[in-house]
Amino acid sequence: MDTKDLAYFRKLLEDLKLETLKELEEDQEIDATKNHLPDDNDVASVQYEQAFKIRMAERNRKYLKKIDKAISKIDNGTYGICEECDNEISFDRLKARPVATVCIECKIELEKEEKSAN
């Protein structure tokens, strides 16, 4: 991968990181107006919403780790190299999933193995 492509992916990953951090920050805001709800249905709705926010925050924290790993791989010269077969991951795959660690062929094989294990 040439330096122009690496610069493109670094910018893309840094933008994704900022966006994800912003989402995490928004998820942590507490709406104080929902603390005293008279109706059980309202309480249930608020609890469901809070559980959803917790799941989304956890997903965002995992995604941040993947973004940081991808940026680290750019720094150490291994970005875009499949962790399974050591072949290059296609530009289109990285463009669609910048945190991808395996090429599409290996991903298909891993998913087949996962399905057969279940």
C-alpha atoms as a PDB file:
ATOM      1  CA  MET A   1       0.000   0.000   0.000  1.00  0.00           C
ATOM      2  CA  ASP A   2       1.437   3.355  -0.948  1.00  0.00           C
ATOM      3  CA  THR A   3       1.771   6.388   1.311  1.00  0.00           C
ATOM      4  CA  LYS A   4      -1.193   8.145  -0.326  1.00  0.00           C
ATOM      5  CA  ASP A   5      -3.475   5.206   0.522  1.00  0.00           C
ATOM      6  CA  LEU A   6      -2.112   5.005   4.061  1.00  0.00           C
ATOM      7  CA  ALA A   7      -2.742   8.740   4.551  1.00  0.00           C
ATOM      8  CA  TYR A   8      -6.297   8.257   3.253  1.00  0.00           C
ATOM      9  CA  PHE A   9      -6.971   5.423   5.713  1.00  0.00           C
ATOM     10  CA  ARG A  10      -5.325   7.240   8.626  1.00  0.00           C
ATOM     11  CA  LYS A  11      -7.632  10.236   8.037  1.00  0.00           C
ATOM     12  CA  LEU A  12     -10.641   7.946   7.681  1.00  0.00           C
ATOM     13  CA  LEU A  13      -9.781   6.114  10.907  1.00  0.00           C
ATOM     14  CA  GLU A  14      -9.107   9.322  12.818  1.00  0.00           C
ATOM     15  CA  ASP A  15     -12.459  10.714  11.669  1.00  0.00           C
ATOM     16  CA  LEU A  16     -14.189   7.485  12.739  1.00  0.00           C
ATOM     17  CA  LYS A  17     -12.460   7.715  16.103  1.00  0.00           C
ATOM     18  CA  LEU A  18     -13.654  11.284  16.670  1.00  0.00           C
ATOM     19  CA  GLU A  19     -17.188  10.351  15.639  1.00  0.00           C
ATOM     20  CA  THR A  20     -17.207   7.310  17.928  1.00  0.00           C
ATOM     21  CA  LEU A  21     -15.820   9.301  20.855  1.00  0.00           C
ATOM     22  CA  LYS A  22     -18.549  11.875  20.311  1.00  0.00           C
ATOM     23  CA  GLU A  23     -21.201   9.135  20.349  1.00  0.00           C
ATOM     24  CA  LEU A  24     -19.741   7.725  23.559  1.00  0.00           C
ATOM     25  CA  GLU A  25     -19.822  11.146  25.164  1.00  0.00           C
ATOM     26  CA  GLU A  26     -23.444  11.653  24.133  1.00  0.00           C
ATOM     27  CA  ASP A  27     -24.392   8.204  25.457  1.00  0.00           C
ATOM     28  CA  GLN A  28     -23.008   9.079  28.875  1.00  0.00           C
ATOM     29  CA  GLU A  29     -25.186  12.143  29.297  1.00  0.00           C
ATOM     30  CA  ILE A  30     -27.895  11.600  31.885  1.00  0.00           C
ATOM     31  CA  ASP A  31     -31.337  13.044  31.379  1.00  0.00           C
ATOM     32  CA  ALA A  32     -32.269  14.232  34.860  1.00  0.00           C
ATOM     33  CA  THR A  33     -35.872  14.855  33.856  1.00  0.00           C
ATOM     34  CA  LYS A  34     -36.480  11.094  33.669  1.00  0.00           C
ATOM     35  CA  ASN A  35     -35.653  10.394  37.303  1.00  0.00           C
ATOM     36  CA  HIS A  36     -39.171  10.904  38.730  1.00  0.00           C
ATOM     37  CA  LEU A  37     -41.602   9.116  36.473  1.00  0.00           C
ATOM     38  CA  PRO A  38     -45.077   8.390  37.826  1.00  0.00           C
ATOM     39  CA  ASP A  39     -46.054   5.739  35.295  1.00  0.00           C
ATOM     40  CA  ASP A  40     -44.644   2.183  35.296  1.00  0.00           C
ATOM     41  CA  ASN A  41     -44.664   2.179  31.496  1.00  0.00           C
ATOM     42  CA  ASP A  42     -42.532   5.320  31.470  1.00  0.00           C
ATOM     43  CA  VAL A  43     -40.114   3.729  33.933  1.00  0.00           C
ATOM     44  CA  ALA A  44     -39.886   0.601  31.752  1.00  0.00           C
ATOM     45  CA  SER A  45     -39.259   2.707  28.659  1.00  0.00           C
ATOM     46  CA  VAL A  46     -36.510   4.651  30.380  1.00  0.00           C
ATOM     47  CA  GLN A  47     -34.910   1.430  31.640  1.00  0.00           C
ATOM     48  CA  TYR A  48     -35.030  -0.066  28.151  1.00  0.00           C
ATOM     49  CA  GLU A  49     -33.477   3.091  26.710  1.00  0.00           C
ATOM     50  CA  GLN A  50     -30.720   3.054  29.333  1.00  0.00           C
ATOM     51  CA  ALA A  51     -29.956  -0.621  28.638  1.00  0.00           C
ATOM     52  CA  PHE A  52     -29.782   0.164  24.937  1.00  0.00           C
ATOM     53  CA  LYS A  53     -27.394   3.067  25.584  1.00  0.00           C
ATOM     54  CA  ILE A  54     -25.188   0.782  27.673  1.00  0.00           C
ATOM     55  CA  ARG A  55     -25.052  -1.784  24.848  1.00  0.00           C
ATOM     56  CA  MET A  56     -24.226   0.929  22.319  1.00  0.00           C
ATOM     57  CA  ALA A  57     -21.526   2.373  24.564  1.00  0.00           C
ATOM     58  CA  GLU A  58     -19.935  -1.071  24.915  1.00  0.00           C
ATOM     59  CA  ARG A  59     -20.064  -1.533  21.150  1.00  0.00           C
ATOM     60  CA  ASN A  60     -18.443   1.874  20.670  1.00  0.00           C
ATOM     61  CA  ARG A  61     -15.678   1.072  23.172  1.00  0.00           C
ATOM     62  CA  LYS A  62     -14.878  -2.146  21.283  1.00  0.00           C
ATOM     63  CA  TYR A  63     -14.919  -0.248  18.004  1.00  0.00           C
ATOM     64  CA  LEU A  64     -12.505   2.345  19.419  1.00  0.00           C
ATOM     65  CA  LYS A  65     -10.071  -0.449  20.284  1.00  0.00           C
ATOM     66  CA  LYS A  66     -10.281  -1.721  16.705  1.00  0.00           C
ATOM     67  CA  ILE A  67      -9.704   1.785  15.349  1.00  0.00           C
ATOM     68  CA  ASP A  68      -6.678   2.272  17.612  1.00  0.00           C
ATOM     69  CA  LYS A  69      -5.309  -1.120  16.514  1.00  0.00           C
ATOM     70  CA  ALA A  70      -5.724  -0.150  12.849  1.00  0.00           C
ATOM     71  CA  ILE A  71      -3.947   3.189  13.386  1.00  0.00           C
ATOM     72  CA  SER A  72      -1.166   1.329  15.196  1.00  0.00           C
ATOM     73  CA  LYS A  73      -0.855  -1.017  12.219  1.00  0.00           C
ATOM     74  CA  ILE A  74      -0.461   1.994   9.927  1.00  0.00           C
ATOM     75  CA  ASP A  75       2.337   3.226  12.204  1.00  0.00           C
ATOM     76  CA  ASN A  76       4.156  -0.109  12.217  1.00  0.00           C
ATOM     77  CA  GLY A  77       3.677  -0.847   8.507  1.00  0.00           C
ATOM     78  CA  THR A  78       1.300  -3.799   8.780  1.00  0.00           C
ATOM     79  CA  TYR A  79      -2.003  -2.103   7.912  1.00  0.00           C
ATOM     80  CA  GLY A  80      -3.834  -3.830   5.101  1.00  0.00           C
ATOM     81  CA  ILE A  81      -2.090  -7.170   5.614  1.00  0.00           C
ATOM     82  CA  CYS A  82      -4.351 -10.135   6.410  1.00  0.00           C
ATOM     83  CA  GLU A  83      -3.665 -11.582   9.849  1.00  0.00           C
ATOM     84  CA  GLU A  84      -4.551 -15.076   8.596  1.00  0.00           C
ATOM     85  CA  CYS A  85      -2.784 -15.476   5.249  1.00  0.00           C
ATOM     86  CA  ASP A  86      -0.432 -12.443   5.100  1.00  0.00           C
ATOM     87  CA  ASN A  87      -1.884 -11.346   1.748  1.00  0.00           C
ATOM     88  CA  GLU A  88      -2.973  -7.785   1.110  1.00  0.00           C
ATOM     89  CA  ILE A  89      -6.504  -6.838   2.071  1.00  0.00           C
ATOM     90  CA  SER A  90      -8.178  -5.178  -0.907  1.00  0.00           C
ATOM     91  CA  PHE A  91      -8.574  -1.420  -0.972  1.00  0.00           C
ATOM     92  CA  ASP A  92     -12.341  -1.808  -1.446  1.00  0.00           C
ATOM     93  CA  ARG A  93     -12.648  -4.031   1.626  1.00  0.00           C
ATOM     94  CA  LEU A  94     -10.649  -1.570   3.725  1.00  0.00           C
ATOM     95  CA  LYS A  95     -12.700   1.293   2.388  1.00  0.00           C
ATOM     96  CA  ALA A  96     -15.895  -0.501   3.432  1.00  0.00           C
ATOM     97  CA  ARG A  97     -14.443  -1.729   6.744  1.00  0.00           C
ATOM     98  CA  PRO A  98     -11.300   0.271   7.648  1.00  0.00           C
ATOM     99  CA  VAL A  99     -10.728  -1.820  10.787  1.00  0.00           C
ATOM    100  CA  ALA A 100     -10.689  -5.109   8.846  1.00  0.00           C
ATOM    101  CA  THR A 101      -7.893  -7.437   9.927  1.00  0.00           C
ATOM    102  CA  VAL A 102      -8.465 -10.236   7.426  1.00  0.00           C
ATOM    103  CA  CYS A 103      -9.003 -10.383   3.673  1.00  0.00           C
ATOM    104  CA  ILE A 104     -12.435 -11.266   2.332  1.00  0.00           C
ATOM    105  CA  GLU A 105     -11.417 -14.834   1.461  1.00  0.00           C
ATOM    106  CA  CYS A 106     -10.209 -15.533   5.000  1.00  0.00           C
ATOM    107  CA  LYS A 107     -13.272 -13.809   6.465  1.00  0.00           C
ATOM    108  CA  ILE A 108     -15.544 -16.118   4.456  1.00  0.00           C
ATOM    109  CA  GLU A 109     -13.587 -19.147   5.696  1.00  0.00           C
ATOM    110  CA  LEU A 110     -13.702 -17.951   9.301  1.00  0.00           C
ATOM    111  CA  GLU A 111     -17.470 -17.453   9.057  1.00  0.00           C
ATOM    112  CA  LYS A 112     -17.911 -20.946   7.573  1.00  0.00           C
ATOM    113  CA  GLU A 113     -15.901 -22.425  10.450  1.00  0.00           C
ATOM    114  CA  GLU A 114     -17.944 -20.428  12.939  1.00  0.00           C
ATOM    115  CA  LYS A 115     -21.230 -21.659  11.441  1.00  0.00           C
ATOM    116  CA  SER A 116     -20.108 -25.279  11.451  1.00  0.00           C
ATOM    117  CA  ALA A 117     -19.010 -24.975  15.097  1.00  0.00           C
ATOM    118  CA  ASN A 118     -22.533 -23.912  16.069  1.00  0.00           C
END
